[in-house]
Amino acid sequence: MALGSSAPEILLSCYETAINIEGTPGVLGPSTIVGSAAFNLLIISAVSITAVDEVKKVDDVGVFVITSIASLLAYVWMYVCLKVWTPGYVTVIEALLTLFYFFLLIGCSYMADRCRNKVLEAERSEMEKEELAAEKIRLVNKSNLRSIAQKHGQQFVIECVTGGTMANTADAAIKEEVRESYRIVLGYQDKSDQDLNEVPLTKLINVMEHENLIDRLAHRKMAGTGNKKEYVTLKGTH
């Protein structure tokens, strides 16, 4: 985008240099650097910042810093060439060095962008590992609820949360194990028992279901329920 927007002035500067190769250089080249580059660096940045009302943040500062430093060094390099080393004209060596600095800037920007991408990939990989570990813990607790349901019945598992005659006579450790497994599966680790009691009955039942059609059919066939849905009732309901 930057090359495309600056292409006309670059071509004009090259054209002026070519037609005055043996004579006094014109003012178009220095004016382009001082005028257009300064405008791009200062005015466009200022307009972009004030264009929106919310807080602004540069997400990738690596390339931004490199480009800003290179823009400032361009003025220093022009002063050294035209005022210190060879006042009033530019030598071939200085021109070749300027061209070399252009490719050096592209290389530094590319390396900074690649480093940024590697950091983002490492962060995404770490997040994926954490999500995978959390998903494994969730599936283990779902399996634990199904195992308890196969041993004591689905009604027993539900009543450990909602209350009922079956759960009242059960061991306190088993009831706490059921509740803790529900909290992990539902993402309620920081919730109280009262919050868990307010979970809809259908959601409590669905937690014990397998998560794809084939697993659900296999589970029901193994449980002997076949095509019919196994229902549980709340305390005091029919």
C-alpha atoms as a PDB file:
ATOM      1  CA  MET A   1       0.000   0.000   0.000  1.00  0.00           C
ATOM      2  CA  ALA A   2       2.797   2.412   0.909  1.00  0.00           C
ATOM      3  CA  LEU A   3       4.700   1.620  -2.298  1.00  0.00           C
ATOM      4  CA  GLY A   4       1.582   2.076  -4.387  1.00  0.00           C
ATOM      5  CA  SER A   5       0.687   5.427  -2.823  1.00  0.00           C
ATOM      6  CA  SER A   6       4.260   6.710  -3.177  1.00  0.00           C
ATOM      7  CA  ALA A   7       4.878   5.328  -6.678  1.00  0.00           C
ATOM      8  CA  PRO A   8       4.022   8.598  -8.550  1.00  0.00           C
ATOM      9  CA  GLU A   9       6.418  10.755  -6.550  1.00  0.00           C
ATOM     10  CA  ILE A  10       9.128   8.078  -6.718  1.00  0.00           C
ATOM     11  CA  LEU A  11       8.833   7.913 -10.508  1.00  0.00           C
ATOM     12  CA  LEU A  12       8.859  11.705 -10.798  1.00  0.00           C
ATOM     13  CA  SER A  13      12.001  11.926  -8.658  1.00  0.00           C
ATOM     14  CA  CYS A  14      13.694   9.238 -10.756  1.00  0.00           C
ATOM     15  CA  TYR A  15      12.664  11.018 -13.959  1.00  0.00           C
ATOM     16  CA  GLU A  16      14.036  14.367 -12.756  1.00  0.00           C
ATOM     17  CA  THR A  17      17.295  12.718 -11.740  1.00  0.00           C
ATOM     18  CA  ALA A  18      17.624  10.972 -15.101  1.00  0.00           C
ATOM     19  CA  ILE A  19      17.128  14.106 -17.198  1.00  0.00           C
ATOM     20  CA  ASN A  20      19.563  16.100 -15.036  1.00  0.00           C
ATOM     21  CA  ILE A  21      22.149  13.388 -14.622  1.00  0.00           C
ATOM     22  CA  GLU A  22      25.024  15.680 -15.622  1.00  0.00           C
ATOM     23  CA  GLY A  23      23.562  18.921 -14.367  1.00  0.00           C
ATOM     24  CA  THR A  24      22.316  20.480 -11.176  1.00  0.00           C
ATOM     25  CA  PRO A  25      19.679  18.269  -9.531  1.00  0.00           C
ATOM     26  CA  GLY A  26      16.230  19.713  -9.086  1.00  0.00           C
ATOM     27  CA  VAL A  27      14.328  20.216  -5.892  1.00  0.00           C
ATOM     28  CA  LEU A  28      11.720  17.513  -6.522  1.00  0.00           C
ATOM     29  CA  GLY A  29      13.686  14.716  -4.865  1.00  0.00           C
ATOM     30  CA  PRO A  30      14.459  16.482  -1.557  1.00  0.00           C
ATOM     31  CA  SER A  31      10.988  17.994  -1.528  1.00  0.00           C
ATOM     32  CA  THR A  32       9.496  14.521  -1.857  1.00  0.00           C
ATOM     33  CA  ILE A  33      11.456  13.280   1.122  1.00  0.00           C
ATOM     34  CA  VAL A  34      10.805  16.290   3.305  1.00  0.00           C
ATOM     35  CA  GLY A  35       7.221  16.882   2.211  1.00  0.00           C
ATOM     36  CA  SER A  36       5.614  13.542   1.415  1.00  0.00           C
ATOM     37  CA  ALA A  37       7.516  11.411   3.940  1.00  0.00           C
ATOM     38  CA  ALA A  38       6.918  13.904   6.740  1.00  0.00           C
ATOM     39  CA  PHE A  39       3.262  14.130   5.772  1.00  0.00           C
ATOM     40  CA  ASN A  40       2.877  10.345   5.808  1.00  0.00           C
ATOM     41  CA  LEU A  41       4.649   9.992   9.150  1.00  0.00           C
ATOM     42  CA  LEU A  42       3.007  12.850  11.033  1.00  0.00           C
ATOM     43  CA  ILE A  43      -0.288  13.946   9.484  1.00  0.00           C
ATOM     44  CA  ILE A  44      -1.640  10.521   8.473  1.00  0.00           C
ATOM     45  CA  SER A  45      -0.714   9.075  11.888  1.00  0.00           C
ATOM     46  CA  ALA A  46      -2.435  11.993  13.641  1.00  0.00           C
ATOM     47  CA  VAL A  47      -5.604  11.682  11.538  1.00  0.00           C
ATOM     48  CA  SER A  48      -5.725   7.927  12.129  1.00  0.00           C
ATOM     49  CA  ILE A  49      -5.440   8.424  15.887  1.00  0.00           C
ATOM     50  CA  THR A  50      -8.185  11.055  16.053  1.00  0.00           C
ATOM     51  CA  ALA A  51     -10.529   9.187  13.677  1.00  0.00           C
ATOM     52  CA  VAL A  52     -12.088   7.084  16.455  1.00  0.00           C
ATOM     53  CA  ASP A  53     -13.152   7.879  20.001  1.00  0.00           C
ATOM     54  CA  GLU A  54     -12.116   4.742  21.869  1.00  0.00           C
ATOM     55  CA  VAL A  55      -8.672   4.092  23.341  1.00  0.00           C
ATOM     56  CA  LYS A  56      -6.086   3.394  20.634  1.00  0.00           C
ATOM     57  CA  LYS A  57      -3.385   0.766  20.857  1.00  0.00           C
ATOM     58  CA  VAL A  58      -0.732  -0.342  18.366  1.00  0.00           C
ATOM     59  CA  ASP A  59      -0.922  -4.133  18.501  1.00  0.00           C
ATOM     60  CA  ASP A  60       2.280  -4.843  16.557  1.00  0.00           C
ATOM     61  CA  VAL A  61       4.855  -2.240  17.600  1.00  0.00           C
ATOM     62  CA  GLY A  62       7.870  -4.019  16.078  1.00  0.00           C
ATOM     63  CA  VAL A  63       7.410  -3.009  12.435  1.00  0.00           C
ATOM     64  CA  PHE A  64       5.946   0.332  13.515  1.00  0.00           C
ATOM     65  CA  VAL A  65       9.057   1.213  15.538  1.00  0.00           C
ATOM     66  CA  ILE A  66      11.433   0.077  12.795  1.00  0.00           C
ATOM     67  CA  THR A  67       9.612   2.148  10.174  1.00  0.00           C
ATOM     68  CA  SER A  68       9.517   5.214  12.433  1.00  0.00           C
ATOM     69  CA  ILE A  69      13.222   5.011  13.198  1.00  0.00           C
ATOM     70  CA  ALA A  70      14.054   4.519   9.511  1.00  0.00           C
ATOM     71  CA  SER A  71      11.949   7.568   8.599  1.00  0.00           C
ATOM     72  CA  LEU A  72      13.881   9.724  11.056  1.00  0.00           C
ATOM     73  CA  LEU A  73      17.242   8.319   9.971  1.00  0.00           C
ATOM     74  CA  ALA A  74      16.388   9.186   6.359  1.00  0.00           C
ATOM     75  CA  TYR A  75      16.567  12.890   7.236  1.00  0.00           C
ATOM     76  CA  VAL A  76      19.901  12.411   8.994  1.00  0.00           C
ATOM     77  CA  TRP A  77      21.269  10.461   6.020  1.00  0.00           C
ATOM     78  CA  MET A  78      20.177  13.166   3.571  1.00  0.00           C
ATOM     79  CA  TYR A  79      21.862  15.851   5.691  1.00  0.00           C
ATOM     80  CA  VAL A  80      25.096  13.849   5.921  1.00  0.00           C
ATOM     81  CA  CYS A  81      25.187  13.260   2.164  1.00  0.00           C
ATOM     82  CA  LEU A  82      24.328  16.812   1.074  1.00  0.00           C
ATOM     83  CA  LYS A  83      26.010  18.862   3.817  1.00  0.00           C
ATOM     84  CA  VAL A  84      28.835  16.841   5.362  1.00  0.00           C
ATOM     85  CA  TRP A  85      30.363  14.325   2.920  1.00  0.00           C
ATOM     86  CA  THR A  86      29.776  15.842  -0.513  1.00  0.00           C
ATOM     87  CA  PRO A  87      28.043  19.214  -0.136  1.00  0.00           C
ATOM     88  CA  GLY A  88      25.737  20.020  -2.997  1.00  0.00           C
ATOM     89  CA  TYR A  89      25.715  16.669  -4.823  1.00  0.00           C
ATOM     90  CA  VAL A  90      25.258  12.913  -4.335  1.00  0.00           C
ATOM     91  CA  THR A  91      27.936  10.409  -5.337  1.00  0.00           C
ATOM     92  CA  VAL A  92      27.320   6.967  -6.824  1.00  0.00           C
ATOM     93  CA  ILE A  93      28.444   5.338  -3.576  1.00  0.00           C
ATOM     94  CA  GLU A  94      25.942   7.389  -1.577  1.00  0.00           C
ATOM     95  CA  ALA A  95      23.180   6.495  -4.026  1.00  0.00           C
ATOM     96  CA  LEU A  96      24.021   2.782  -3.812  1.00  0.00           C
ATOM     97  CA  LEU A  97      24.128   2.973  -0.005  1.00  0.00           C
ATOM     98  CA  THR A  98      20.706   4.623  -0.025  1.00  0.00           C
ATOM     99  CA  LEU A  99      19.360   1.797  -2.190  1.00  0.00           C
ATOM    100  CA  PHE A 100      20.971  -0.756   0.150  1.00  0.00           C
ATOM    101  CA  TYR A 101      19.295   0.875   3.172  1.00  0.00           C
ATOM    102  CA  PHE A 102      15.938   0.436   1.428  1.00  0.00           C
ATOM    103  CA  PHE A 103      16.380  -3.324   1.206  1.00  0.00           C
ATOM    104  CA  LEU A 104      17.788  -3.366   4.744  1.00  0.00           C
ATOM    105  CA  LEU A 105      14.594  -1.685   5.973  1.00  0.00           C
ATOM    106  CA  ILE A 106      12.443  -4.280   4.182  1.00  0.00           C
ATOM    107  CA  GLY A 107      14.527  -7.115   5.658  1.00  0.00           C
ATOM    108  CA  CYS A 108      14.330  -5.751   9.214  1.00  0.00           C
ATOM    109  CA  SER A 109      10.572  -5.208   8.910  1.00  0.00           C
ATOM    110  CA  TYR A 110      10.103  -8.723   7.551  1.00  0.00           C
ATOM    111  CA  MET A 111      12.140 -10.270  10.383  1.00  0.00           C
ATOM    112  CA  ALA A 112      10.200  -8.266  12.974  1.00  0.00           C
ATOM    113  CA  ASP A 113       6.923  -9.449  11.452  1.00  0.00           C
ATOM    114  CA  ARG A 114       8.114 -13.068  11.436  1.00  0.00           C
ATOM    115  CA  CYS A 115       9.175 -12.835  15.084  1.00  0.00           C
ATOM    116  CA  ARG A 116       5.778 -11.397  15.961  1.00  0.00           C
ATOM    117  CA  ASN A 117       4.032 -14.263  14.171  1.00  0.00           C
ATOM    118  CA  LYS A 118       6.138 -16.828  16.030  1.00  0.00           C
ATOM    119  CA  VAL A 119       5.215 -15.228  19.353  1.00  0.00           C
ATOM    120  CA  LEU A 120       1.516 -15.281  18.415  1.00  0.00           C
ATOM    121  CA  GLU A 121       1.752 -18.911  17.292  1.00  0.00           C
ATOM    122  CA  ALA A 122       3.431 -19.842  20.577  1.00  0.00           C
ATOM    123  CA  GLU A 123       0.695 -18.048  22.525  1.00  0.00           C
ATOM    124  CA  ARG A 124      -2.024 -19.773  20.468  1.00  0.00           C
ATOM    125  CA  SER A 125      -0.350 -23.150  20.995  1.00  0.00           C
ATOM    126  CA  GLU A 126      -0.212 -22.540  24.733  1.00  0.00           C
ATOM    127  CA  MET A 127      -3.880 -21.514  24.788  1.00  0.00           C
ATOM    128  CA  GLU A 128      -4.815 -24.583  22.755  1.00  0.00           C
ATOM    129  CA  LYS A 129      -2.916 -26.800  25.208  1.00  0.00           C
ATOM    130  CA  GLU A 130      -4.748 -25.205  28.135  1.00  0.00           C
ATOM    131  CA  GLU A 131      -8.106 -25.573  26.375  1.00  0.00           C
ATOM    132  CA  LEU A 132      -7.314 -29.201  25.522  1.00  0.00           C
ATOM    133  CA  ALA A 133      -6.359 -29.930  29.126  1.00  0.00           C
ATOM    134  CA  ALA A 134      -9.566 -28.286  30.371  1.00  0.00           C
ATOM    135  CA  GLU A 135     -11.606 -30.259  27.812  1.00  0.00           C
ATOM    136  CA  LYS A 136     -10.011 -33.513  28.970  1.00  0.00           C
ATOM    137  CA  ILE A 137     -10.906 -32.708  32.572  1.00  0.00           C
ATOM    138  CA  ARG A 138     -14.475 -31.922  31.517  1.00  0.00           C
ATOM    139  CA  LEU A 139     -14.844 -35.182  29.588  1.00  0.00           C
ATOM    140  CA  VAL A 140     -13.384 -37.178  32.491  1.00  0.00           C
ATOM    141  CA  ASN A 141     -15.974 -35.693  34.829  1.00  0.00           C
ATOM    142  CA  LYS A 142     -18.778 -36.391  32.325  1.00  0.00           C
ATOM    143  CA  SER A 143     -17.616 -39.987  32.222  1.00  0.00           C
ATOM    144  CA  ASN A 144     -17.562 -40.065  36.008  1.00  0.00           C
ATOM    145  CA  LEU A 145     -21.199 -38.892  36.144  1.00  0.00           C
ATOM    146  CA  ARG A 146     -22.214 -41.591  33.651  1.00  0.00           C
ATOM    147  CA  SER A 147     -20.388 -44.226  35.679  1.00  0.00           C
ATOM    148  CA  ILE A 148     -22.204 -43.193  38.856  1.00  0.00           C
ATOM    149  CA  ALA A 149     -25.505 -43.159  36.942  1.00  0.00           C
ATOM    150  CA  GLN A 150     -24.907 -46.698  35.672  1.00  0.00           C
ATOM    151  CA  LYS A 151     -24.167 -47.868  39.209  1.00  0.00           C
ATOM    152  CA  HIS A 152     -26.825 -45.984  41.211  1.00  0.00           C
ATOM    153  CA  GLY A 153     -29.230 -44.811  38.511  1.00  0.00           C
ATOM    154  CA  GLN A 154     -29.751 -41.527  36.757  1.00  0.00           C
ATOM    155  CA  GLN A 155     -32.404 -40.501  39.269  1.00  0.00           C
ATOM    156  CA  PHE A 156     -29.842 -40.787  42.042  1.00  0.00           C
ATOM    157  CA  VAL A 157     -27.348 -38.545  40.203  1.00  0.00           C
ATOM    158  CA  ILE A 158     -29.983 -35.872  39.558  1.00  0.00           C
ATOM    159  CA  GLU A 159     -31.220 -35.940  43.158  1.00  0.00           C
ATOM    160  CA  CYS A 160     -27.677 -35.396  44.406  1.00  0.00           C
ATOM    161  CA  VAL A 161     -28.093 -31.920  42.909  1.00  0.00           C
ATOM    162  CA  THR A 162     -31.814 -31.235  43.234  1.00  0.00           C
ATOM    163  CA  GLY A 163     -32.453 -33.158  46.443  1.00  0.00           C
ATOM    164  CA  GLY A 164     -34.648 -36.239  46.997  1.00  0.00           C
ATOM    165  CA  THR A 165     -35.157 -39.381  49.031  1.00  0.00           C
ATOM    166  CA  MET A 166     -32.512 -41.358  47.156  1.00  0.00           C
ATOM    167  CA  ALA A 167     -29.836 -38.727  47.661  1.00  0.00           C
ATOM    168  CA  ASN A 168     -30.755 -38.111  51.315  1.00  0.00           C
ATOM    169  CA  THR A 169     -29.671 -41.628  52.242  1.00  0.00           C
ATOM    170  CA  ALA A 170     -26.555 -41.585  50.066  1.00  0.00           C
ATOM    171  CA  ASP A 171     -23.004 -41.160  51.247  1.00  0.00           C
ATOM    172  CA  ALA A 172     -21.999 -37.491  51.587  1.00  0.00           C
ATOM    173  CA  ALA A 173     -18.735 -38.081  49.697  1.00  0.00           C
ATOM    174  CA  ILE A 174     -20.577 -39.461  46.663  1.00  0.00           C
ATOM    175  CA  LYS A 175     -23.007 -36.528  46.638  1.00  0.00           C
ATOM    176  CA  GLU A 176     -20.122 -34.063  46.805  1.00  0.00           C
ATOM    177  CA  GLU A 177     -18.329 -35.956  44.015  1.00  0.00           C
ATOM    178  CA  VAL A 178     -21.427 -35.682  41.817  1.00  0.00           C
ATOM    179  CA  ARG A 179     -21.809 -31.970  42.526  1.00  0.00           C
ATOM    180  CA  GLU A 180     -18.137 -31.277  41.895  1.00  0.00           C
ATOM    181  CA  SER A 181     -18.260 -33.170  38.581  1.00  0.00           C
ATOM    182  CA  TYR A 182     -21.314 -31.142  37.552  1.00  0.00           C
ATOM    183  CA  ARG A 183     -19.559 -27.906  38.446  1.00  0.00           C
ATOM    184  CA  ILE A 184     -16.555 -28.783  36.247  1.00  0.00           C
ATOM    185  CA  VAL A 185     -18.668 -29.920  33.288  1.00  0.00           C
ATOM    186  CA  LEU A 186     -20.947 -26.868  33.467  1.00  0.00           C
ATOM    187  CA  GLY A 187     -18.101 -24.426  34.141  1.00  0.00           C
ATOM    188  CA  TYR A 188     -19.501 -23.577  37.585  1.00  0.00           C
ATOM    189  CA  GLN A 189     -16.255 -23.970  39.562  1.00  0.00           C
ATOM    190  CA  ASP A 190     -16.802 -20.631  41.303  1.00  0.00           C
ATOM    191  CA  LYS A 191     -20.537 -21.183  41.873  1.00  0.00           C
ATOM    192  CA  SER A 192     -22.290 -22.172  45.088  1.00  0.00           C
ATOM    193  CA  ASP A 193     -24.623 -25.113  45.691  1.00  0.00           C
ATOM    194  CA  GLN A 194     -27.574 -22.745  45.325  1.00  0.00           C
ATOM    195  CA  ASP A 195     -26.426 -21.769  41.821  1.00  0.00           C
ATOM    196  CA  LEU A 196     -26.069 -25.441  40.937  1.00  0.00           C
ATOM    197  CA  ASN A 197     -29.583 -26.175  42.211  1.00  0.00           C
ATOM    198  CA  GLU A 198     -30.981 -23.587  39.794  1.00  0.00           C
ATOM    199  CA  VAL A 199     -29.663 -25.431  36.714  1.00  0.00           C
ATOM    200  CA  PRO A 200     -32.640 -26.738  34.630  1.00  0.00           C
ATOM    201  CA  LEU A 201     -33.372 -30.444  34.952  1.00  0.00           C
ATOM    202  CA  THR A 202     -33.021 -31.055  31.221  1.00  0.00           C
ATOM    203  CA  LYS A 203     -29.529 -29.574  31.296  1.00  0.00           C
ATOM    204  CA  LEU A 204     -28.550 -31.833  34.191  1.00  0.00           C
ATOM    205  CA  ILE A 205     -29.750 -34.831  32.188  1.00  0.00           C
ATOM    206  CA  ASN A 206     -28.031 -33.735  28.987  1.00  0.00           C
ATOM    207  CA  VAL A 207     -24.718 -33.443  30.797  1.00  0.00           C
ATOM    208  CA  MET A 208     -24.642 -37.230  31.159  1.00  0.00           C
ATOM    209  CA  GLU A 209     -25.305 -37.775  27.443  1.00  0.00           C
ATOM    210  CA  HIS A 210     -22.504 -38.523  24.988  1.00  0.00           C
ATOM    211  CA  GLU A 211     -21.619 -35.636  22.708  1.00  0.00           C
ATOM    212  CA  ASN A 212     -22.266 -37.195  19.305  1.00  0.00           C
ATOM    213  CA  LEU A 213     -25.074 -39.269  17.833  1.00  0.00           C
ATOM    214  CA  ILE A 214     -23.177 -42.547  17.528  1.00  0.00           C
ATOM    215  CA  ASP A 215     -21.969 -42.396  21.138  1.00  0.00           C
ATOM    216  CA  ARG A 216     -25.462 -41.530  22.379  1.00  0.00           C
ATOM    217  CA  LEU A 217     -27.070 -44.468  20.511  1.00  0.00           C
ATOM    218  CA  ALA A 218     -24.372 -46.848  21.741  1.00  0.00           C
ATOM    219  CA  HIS A 219     -24.824 -45.621  25.306  1.00  0.00           C
ATOM    220  CA  ARG A 220     -28.604 -46.076  25.211  1.00  0.00           C
ATOM    221  CA  LYS A 221     -28.289 -49.516  23.639  1.00  0.00           C
ATOM    222  CA  MET A 222     -25.806 -50.579  26.305  1.00  0.00           C
ATOM    223  CA  ALA A 223     -28.074 -49.164  28.998  1.00  0.00           C
ATOM    224  CA  GLY A 224     -31.019 -51.100  27.551  1.00  0.00           C
ATOM    225  CA  THR A 225     -33.166 -48.045  26.871  1.00  0.00           C
ATOM    226  CA  GLY A 226     -33.181 -48.553  23.090  1.00  0.00           C
ATOM    227  CA  ASN A 227     -35.194 -45.913  21.247  1.00  0.00           C
ATOM    228  CA  LYS A 228     -36.976 -44.612  24.319  1.00  0.00           C
ATOM    229  CA  LYS A 229     -35.730 -41.702  26.377  1.00  0.00           C
ATOM    230  CA  GLU A 230     -34.908 -42.323  30.020  1.00  0.00           C
ATOM    231  CA  TYR A 231     -36.659 -39.751  32.170  1.00  0.00           C
ATOM    232  CA  VAL A 232     -36.171 -38.703  35.750  1.00  0.00           C
ATOM    233  CA  THR A 233     -38.601 -36.824  37.966  1.00  0.00           C
ATOM    234  CA  LEU A 234     -38.074 -34.016  40.357  1.00  0.00           C
ATOM    235  CA  LYS A 235     -38.946 -34.399  44.007  1.00  0.00           C
ATOM    236  CA  GLY A 236     -42.668 -33.912  44.500  1.00  0.00           C
ATOM    237  CA  THR A 237     -43.562 -34.208  40.764  1.00  0.00           C
ATOM    238  CA  HIS A 238     -45.151 -36.992  38.709  1.00  0.00           C
END
